[in-house]
Amino acid sequence: MAVVGTNFTLGVEEEFVLLDPMDGSVALRAPDLLEHLTAEPGVTGELMRFQIETATGICRSLDEVRPELTRLRQSVAKTAEADGCLMVASGIPPCGLRPGAITSTPRYQRLAANFPALIDEAGTCACHVHVGLPSRDLGARVLAGLRPWLAPLLAISANSPVENGADSGWASRRYPLWDRWPTAKPPDEWSGAAAYDQSVGEALRHGAALDTAGVYFYARLSPRHPTVEVRIADVCLSVDDAVLLAALVRGLVITCVEAAELPRARNVRIGAALYAAARKGLDGPGVDVFTGRDADQRVLIEGLVDFIRPALKTTGDTEDVEQGLNSLFEHGTGAARQRRLLAETASPGEFAAELALATMNVPTR
């Protein structure tokens, strides 16, 4: 089912935490940083005042994605340093959330009023990958095809093991916190855009979401752009990890567009696989969503790559993916690297400083 003229453009959004360099606590400095970043249209605020978000422009290749992600990280990190705080890529603030840190925009204030039981733990940070498509009906087909592969994407990106200054026991502590939201769930197997829109409309009518931007499906049709938006991943510790994630997501989208028939999996198995990926990352068994059996997480990731290999060849991304996975398997996920830094540092402030260096691809201890 090749789609003639489709460019499968890429866009990547990354959310970061701002930390106090003295004790690693969250720094409520995003509004101040944004005043100094007005020349960067891709940098915006987020739900909490200790969060800041970057977004690339429309990219056509990984060679465009990588320097854009690097430039945006450098710009925000430099501004944060000048303001006396650190920019860190972590799925949750490692030394604890802070109640009452909500950004003062009307939408976020309404979100807090509508979901008071969830809001204080809502300051989590993700990486969202957008892939351009020519139609929303095609996007609905892609969402159905993405369902079996969400857990390997989470395992690869897991980067939030530290909570309140200690190991939480999760590779992605962000996942169970984010999963509490009513619409945080895998996409359905919608027949087309109309069926998708009906599900979104029901969520809004029943109060499960404030607006279309607040519908938190793990993958969705973007409410702002003509893209499929994959939202399952933690923000990646390094640019290299984020580029790998973007390549895999685009390969999956292309494969789902062009495949004559898509593999299917039941929600209960997808849920079990996501739990396993969030709990252990690459370091424990995952769940094969097609058999329901435990399986080595790295084998499952290799199965994902085999599934999308023709698409990677088409985009010229095969070498980037192979190199990215080899590095990931050798050095571990962001979660594994965070744990090593936690063990090797003597204080929360020192840990935060090392994490900020890792965020900028600066070699750490």
Protein backbone atom coordinates (compact mmCIF):
# COMPACT_ATOMS: atom_id res chain seq x y z
CA MET A 1 0.00 0.00 0.00
CA ALA A 2 2.67 2.50 -1.03
CA VAL A 3 1.63 6.14 -0.77
CA VAL A 4 3.08 8.07 -3.68
CA GLY A 5 4.57 11.45 -2.79
CA THR A 6 4.58 10.89 0.96
CA ASN A 7 7.75 12.34 2.51
CA PHE A 8 7.26 10.97 6.03
CA THR A 9 8.71 14.10 7.58
CA LEU A 10 9.90 14.08 11.19
CA GLY A 11 9.49 16.37 14.16
CA VAL A 12 10.65 15.72 17.72
CA GLU A 13 9.45 17.36 20.93
CA GLU A 14 11.48 17.00 24.13
CA GLU A 15 10.47 17.99 27.66
CA PHE A 16 13.16 18.80 30.23
CA VAL A 17 13.39 19.35 33.99
CA LEU A 18 15.04 22.40 35.55
CA LEU A 19 17.00 21.63 38.72
CA ASP A 20 18.72 23.60 41.45
CA PRO A 21 22.48 22.88 41.20
CA MET A 22 22.91 23.00 44.98
CA ASP A 23 20.52 20.25 46.07
CA GLY A 24 18.98 18.84 42.87
CA SER A 25 15.49 20.06 43.75
CA VAL A 26 13.22 21.38 41.02
CA ALA A 27 13.84 24.99 40.02
CA LEU A 28 10.70 26.95 39.17
CA ARG A 29 12.52 29.02 36.57
CA ALA A 30 10.87 28.16 33.24
CA PRO A 31 8.90 31.46 32.95
CA ASP A 32 12.13 33.42 33.46
CA LEU A 33 14.06 31.32 30.95
CA LEU A 34 11.36 31.78 28.34
CA GLU A 35 11.72 35.55 28.59
CA HIS A 36 15.33 35.12 27.40
CA LEU A 37 14.47 32.55 24.71
CA THR A 38 11.98 34.55 22.67
CA ALA A 39 14.19 34.13 19.58
CA GLU A 40 13.62 30.36 19.82
CA PRO A 41 10.06 29.68 18.61
CA GLY A 42 10.56 25.97 19.26
CA VAL A 43 10.99 26.50 23.02
CA THR A 44 7.84 26.72 25.15
CA GLY A 45 6.62 26.30 28.69
CA GLU A 46 4.93 23.22 30.06
CA LEU A 47 2.48 22.23 32.78
CA MET A 48 4.92 22.87 35.63
CA ARG A 49 7.20 25.84 36.13
CA PHE A 50 10.17 23.46 36.45
CA GLN A 51 9.56 22.08 32.94
CA ILE A 52 10.55 23.42 29.54
CA GLU A 53 9.83 21.96 26.11
CA THR A 54 11.67 22.12 22.80
CA ALA A 55 10.38 21.21 19.34
CA THR A 56 12.33 20.81 16.14
CA GLY A 57 11.07 22.19 12.87
CA ILE A 58 9.91 19.87 10.11
CA CYS A 59 12.84 17.58 9.29
CA ARG A 60 13.25 15.29 6.31
CA SER A 61 16.15 13.20 7.54
CA LEU A 62 18.00 12.17 10.68
CA ASP A 63 20.82 14.42 9.47
CA GLU A 64 18.43 17.33 10.07
CA VAL A 65 16.99 15.98 13.34
CA ARG A 66 20.30 15.46 15.13
CA PRO A 67 21.77 18.99 14.83
CA GLU A 68 18.40 20.57 15.57
CA LEU A 69 17.99 18.58 18.80
CA THR A 70 21.57 19.38 19.76
CA ARG A 71 21.16 23.09 19.05
CA LEU A 72 17.93 23.34 21.04
CA ARG A 73 19.43 21.51 24.03
CA GLN A 74 22.47 23.76 23.94
CA SER A 75 20.37 26.92 23.73
CA VAL A 76 18.17 26.02 26.69
CA ALA A 77 21.03 24.64 28.80
CA LYS A 78 23.10 27.82 28.27
CA THR A 79 20.16 30.00 29.25
CA ALA A 80 19.45 27.83 32.30
CA GLU A 81 23.07 28.05 33.41
CA ALA A 82 22.99 31.84 33.13
CA ASP A 83 19.86 31.81 35.29
CA GLY A 84 21.51 29.62 37.93
CA CYS A 85 19.82 26.30 37.23
CA LEU A 86 20.44 23.07 35.32
CA MET A 87 18.55 21.59 32.37
CA VAL A 88 18.22 17.83 32.71
CA ALA A 89 16.73 15.14 30.49
CA SER A 90 14.88 12.84 32.87
CA GLY A 91 11.36 11.42 32.70
CA ILE A 92 10.69 12.66 36.23
CA PRO A 93 12.50 15.11 38.51
CA PRO A 94 15.00 12.84 40.30
CA CYS A 95 14.80 14.57 43.66
CA GLY A 96 11.04 14.90 43.91
CA LEU A 97 8.11 16.83 42.51
CA ARG A 98 6.89 20.04 44.09
CA PRO A 99 3.18 20.61 44.72
CA GLY A 100 1.79 23.94 43.63
CA ALA A 101 4.32 24.46 40.83
CA ILE A 102 1.70 24.74 38.10
CA THR A 103 2.32 27.23 35.30
CA SER A 104 -0.11 30.15 35.53
CA THR A 105 -1.63 29.90 32.05
CA PRO A 106 -5.44 29.52 32.05
CA ARG A 107 -5.41 26.09 30.35
CA TYR A 108 -3.05 24.59 32.91
CA GLN A 109 -5.03 26.12 35.76
CA ARG A 110 -8.21 24.51 34.35
CA LEU A 111 -6.38 21.20 34.04
CA ALA A 112 -5.42 21.41 37.71
CA ALA A 113 -9.00 22.22 38.70
CA ASN A 114 -10.42 19.31 36.67
CA PHE A 115 -7.88 16.70 37.82
CA PRO A 116 -6.81 17.71 41.35
CA ALA A 117 -5.86 14.17 42.38
CA LEU A 118 -3.42 13.81 39.49
CA ILE A 119 -1.90 17.23 39.08
CA ASP A 120 0.83 17.16 41.75
CA GLU A 121 2.48 14.13 40.10
CA ALA A 122 2.00 15.41 36.58
CA GLY A 123 5.42 17.01 36.06
CA THR A 124 6.75 14.16 33.93
CA CYS A 125 8.84 14.59 30.78
CA ALA A 126 8.41 12.75 27.50
CA CYS A 127 9.79 12.64 23.99
CA HIS A 128 7.10 12.92 21.30
CA VAL A 129 7.94 11.90 17.74
CA HIS A 130 5.79 13.23 14.89
CA VAL A 131 5.72 11.65 11.43
CA GLY A 132 3.95 13.44 8.61
CA LEU A 133 1.16 11.71 6.69
CA PRO A 134 -1.11 12.89 3.86
CA SER A 135 -4.41 11.92 5.48
CA ARG A 136 -5.95 11.34 8.88
CA ASP A 137 -7.60 8.11 7.66
CA LEU A 138 -4.15 6.77 6.88
CA GLY A 139 -3.06 7.97 10.29
CA ALA A 140 -5.79 5.88 11.95
CA ARG A 141 -4.48 2.80 10.11
CA VAL A 142 -0.97 3.58 11.34
CA LEU A 143 -2.14 3.91 14.95
CA ALA A 144 -3.59 0.40 14.80
CA GLY A 145 -0.33 -0.92 13.40
CA LEU A 146 1.78 0.76 16.08
CA ARG A 147 0.02 -0.98 18.97
CA PRO A 148 2.24 -4.11 19.20
CA TRP A 149 5.46 -2.08 19.16
CA LEU A 150 4.85 0.49 21.88
CA ALA A 151 6.57 -1.52 24.62
CA PRO A 152 9.93 -1.87 22.83
CA LEU A 153 9.91 1.89 22.23
CA LEU A 154 9.35 2.45 25.95
CA ALA A 155 12.10 -0.03 26.88
CA ILE A 156 14.57 1.76 24.61
CA SER A 157 13.75 5.22 25.98
CA ALA A 158 13.29 4.35 29.69
CA ASN A 159 14.98 7.19 31.57
CA SER A 160 13.34 7.88 34.93
CA PRO A 161 14.59 5.46 37.59
CA VAL A 162 15.37 7.95 40.36
CA GLU A 163 12.58 9.33 42.55
CA ASN A 164 13.06 11.40 45.69
CA GLY A 165 16.82 10.86 45.41
CA ALA A 166 16.66 7.06 45.44
CA ASP A 167 16.22 4.20 42.99
CA SER A 168 12.47 3.75 42.49
CA GLY A 169 12.78 0.19 41.19
CA TRP A 170 11.38 1.32 37.81
CA ALA A 171 13.35 1.97 34.63
CA SER A 172 10.54 4.34 33.65
CA ARG A 173 8.89 5.67 36.78
CA ARG A 174 7.25 8.21 34.49
CA TYR A 175 5.10 5.52 32.86
CA PRO A 176 2.97 4.53 35.91
CA LEU A 177 2.61 8.19 36.92
CA TRP A 178 1.47 9.25 33.45
CA ASP A 179 -0.67 6.13 33.05
CA ARG A 180 -3.01 7.34 35.80
CA TRP A 181 -4.60 9.87 33.43
CA PRO A 182 -7.95 8.67 32.07
CA THR A 183 -6.95 8.80 28.40
CA ALA A 184 -3.40 7.47 28.82
CA LYS A 185 -3.86 4.17 26.98
CA PRO A 186 -2.90 2.44 23.73
CA PRO A 187 -4.68 3.59 20.59
CA ASP A 188 -7.64 1.51 19.49
CA GLU A 189 -7.95 -0.25 16.14
CA TRP A 190 -10.02 2.55 14.61
CA SER A 191 -11.50 2.03 11.14
CA GLY A 192 -10.64 5.58 10.12
CA ALA A 193 -10.44 9.19 11.19
CA ALA A 194 -14.18 9.42 11.87
CA ALA A 195 -14.01 6.57 14.39
CA TYR A 196 -10.93 8.13 15.97
CA ASP A 197 -12.68 11.49 16.28
CA GLN A 198 -15.69 9.78 17.84
CA SER A 199 -13.46 8.30 20.58
CA VAL A 200 -11.87 11.69 21.23
CA GLY A 201 -15.30 13.32 21.36
CA GLU A 202 -16.51 10.76 23.90
CA ALA A 203 -13.47 11.41 26.08
CA LEU A 204 -14.24 15.12 26.06
CA ARG A 205 -17.95 14.67 26.76
CA HIS A 206 -17.27 12.35 29.68
CA GLY A 207 -14.69 14.67 31.23
CA ALA A 208 -11.77 12.29 30.67
CA ALA A 209 -9.84 15.10 28.97
CA LEU A 210 -9.98 18.89 29.05
CA ASP A 211 -9.52 19.32 25.29
CA THR A 212 -8.07 17.49 22.29
CA ALA A 213 -4.51 18.37 23.36
CA GLY A 214 -5.26 16.66 26.67
CA VAL A 215 -6.16 13.31 25.10
CA TYR A 216 -3.10 11.31 26.09
CA PHE A 217 -3.25 8.20 23.91
CA TYR A 218 0.20 6.56 23.73
CA ALA A 219 0.05 7.34 20.01
CA ARG A 220 -2.49 9.70 18.47
CA LEU A 221 -3.36 11.91 15.55
CA SER A 222 -1.84 15.24 16.45
CA PRO A 223 -4.51 17.87 17.16
CA ARG A 224 -2.20 20.57 15.76
CA HIS A 225 -0.23 19.03 12.91
CA PRO A 226 -0.89 16.59 10.00
CA THR A 227 1.08 13.90 11.78
CA VAL A 228 0.93 10.73 13.78
CA GLU A 229 2.37 11.55 17.21
CA VAL A 230 3.99 8.76 19.25
CA ARG A 231 4.05 9.75 22.93
CA ILE A 232 5.01 6.59 24.82
CA ALA A 233 8.70 7.42 25.34
CA ASP A 234 10.46 9.06 28.26
CA VAL A 235 12.55 12.05 27.27
CA CYS A 236 15.84 10.50 26.19
CA LEU A 237 18.99 11.15 28.20
CA SER A 238 21.12 11.77 25.09
CA VAL A 239 20.55 13.18 21.62
CA ASP A 240 21.78 9.86 20.22
CA ASP A 241 18.98 8.01 22.02
CA ALA A 242 16.40 10.52 20.75
CA VAL A 243 17.61 10.14 17.16
CA LEU A 244 17.41 6.35 17.46
CA LEU A 245 13.85 6.65 18.77
CA ALA A 246 12.87 8.98 15.91
CA ALA A 247 14.32 6.59 13.32
CA LEU A 248 12.46 3.61 14.77
CA VAL A 249 9.16 5.49 14.96
CA ARG A 250 9.40 6.67 11.37
CA GLY A 251 10.34 3.17 10.25
CA LEU A 252 7.27 1.82 12.03
CA VAL A 253 4.98 4.42 10.49
CA ILE A 254 6.23 3.71 6.98
CA THR A 255 5.90 -0.03 7.51
CA CYS A 256 2.35 0.36 8.81
CA VAL A 257 1.46 2.43 5.75
CA GLU A 258 2.93 0.02 3.23
CA ALA A 259 2.16 -3.39 4.78
CA ALA A 260 -0.64 -5.36 3.12
CA GLU A 261 -1.58 -6.80 6.53
CA LEU A 262 -0.60 -5.62 10.00
CA PRO A 263 0.14 -7.86 13.00
CA ARG A 264 -2.38 -7.48 15.80
CA ALA A 265 -2.20 -7.85 19.57
CA ARG A 266 -4.72 -7.81 22.41
CA ASN A 267 -4.87 -4.93 24.88
CA VAL A 268 -4.12 -7.16 27.86
CA ARG A 269 -0.83 -8.30 26.31
CA ILE A 270 0.10 -4.78 25.24
CA GLY A 271 -0.52 -3.62 28.81
CA ALA A 272 1.62 -6.42 30.25
CA ALA A 273 4.42 -5.66 27.80
CA LEU A 274 4.36 -1.96 28.67
CA TYR A 275 4.46 -2.73 32.39
CA ALA A 276 7.48 -5.02 31.89
CA ALA A 277 9.27 -2.43 29.74
CA ALA A 278 8.65 0.32 32.27
CA ARG A 279 9.69 -1.84 35.19
CA LYS A 280 12.93 -3.30 33.83
CA GLY A 281 13.82 -1.48 30.62
CA LEU A 282 16.38 -3.59 28.76
CA ASP A 283 17.50 -5.42 31.89
CA GLY A 284 14.65 -7.84 32.43
CA PRO A 285 12.30 -10.02 30.44
CA GLY A 286 9.72 -8.34 28.31
CA VAL A 287 6.44 -9.74 27.05
CA ASP A 288 5.94 -10.96 23.50
CA VAL A 289 2.55 -9.43 22.66
CA PHE A 290 1.90 -12.02 19.95
CA THR A 291 2.36 -15.08 22.20
CA GLY A 292 1.86 -13.65 25.69
CA ARG A 293 5.12 -15.29 26.82
CA ASP A 294 8.13 -13.73 28.51
CA ALA A 295 10.95 -12.89 26.11
CA ASP A 296 14.31 -11.18 26.23
CA GLN A 297 13.65 -7.47 25.73
CA ARG A 298 16.59 -7.16 23.35
CA VAL A 299 15.21 -9.96 21.21
CA LEU A 300 11.88 -8.13 21.06
CA ILE A 301 13.66 -4.95 19.96
CA GLU A 302 15.53 -6.89 17.29
CA GLY A 303 12.16 -8.20 16.13
CA LEU A 304 10.94 -4.62 15.78
CA VAL A 305 13.99 -3.78 13.65
CA ASP A 306 13.43 -6.83 11.46
CA PHE A 307 9.81 -5.75 10.98
CA ILE A 308 10.80 -2.28 9.77
CA ARG A 309 14.04 -3.14 7.96
CA PRO A 310 12.70 -2.45 4.43
CA ALA A 311 11.51 0.98 5.58
CA LEU A 312 14.89 1.75 7.16
CA LYS A 313 16.54 0.87 3.87
CA THR A 314 14.17 3.21 2.03
CA THR A 315 14.95 6.15 4.33
CA GLY A 316 18.67 5.37 4.54
CA ASP A 317 18.45 4.97 8.31
CA THR A 318 19.69 1.37 8.64
CA GLU A 319 23.23 2.26 9.69
CA ASP A 320 22.05 4.91 12.17
CA VAL A 321 19.68 2.43 13.81
CA GLU A 322 22.28 -0.34 13.99
CA GLN A 323 24.86 1.99 15.50
CA GLY A 324 22.32 3.45 17.91
CA LEU A 325 21.20 0.04 19.13
CA ASN A 326 24.77 -1.24 19.48
CA SER A 327 25.58 1.77 21.65
CA LEU A 328 22.39 1.34 23.66
CA PHE A 329 23.05 -2.37 24.26
CA GLU A 330 26.64 -1.62 25.28
CA HIS A 331 26.08 1.39 27.55
CA GLY A 332 22.49 0.82 28.65
CA THR A 333 19.38 2.96 28.58
CA GLY A 334 19.14 6.37 30.16
CA ALA A 335 17.79 4.58 33.24
CA ALA A 336 20.90 2.39 33.52
CA ARG A 337 23.16 5.40 33.08
CA GLN A 338 21.22 7.39 35.69
CA ARG A 339 21.62 4.53 38.16
CA ARG A 340 25.38 4.41 37.61
CA LEU A 341 25.62 8.16 38.20
CA LEU A 342 23.50 7.90 41.34
CA ALA A 343 25.85 5.24 42.74
CA GLU A 344 28.95 7.25 41.88
CA THR A 345 27.93 10.68 43.20
CA ALA A 346 28.03 11.84 46.78
CA SER A 347 25.12 14.28 46.91
CA PRO A 348 21.90 15.20 45.06
CA GLY A 349 23.55 18.36 43.72
CA GLU A 350 26.48 16.39 42.33
CA PHE A 351 24.09 13.87 40.77
CA ALA A 352 22.09 16.68 39.15
CA ALA A 353 25.27 18.22 37.74
CA GLU A 354 26.40 14.91 36.23
CA LEU A 355 22.94 14.36 34.78
CA ALA A 356 23.06 17.80 33.17
CA LEU A 357 26.39 16.91 31.55
CA ALA A 358 24.97 13.63 30.26
CA THR A 359 22.02 15.54 28.81
CA MET A 360 24.50 17.50 26.70
CA ASN A 361 26.44 14.37 25.60
CA VAL A 362 29.39 15.48 27.72
CA PRO A 363 31.30 12.39 28.96
CA THR A 364 30.61 11.70 32.62
CA ARG A 365 32.41 9.56 35.15
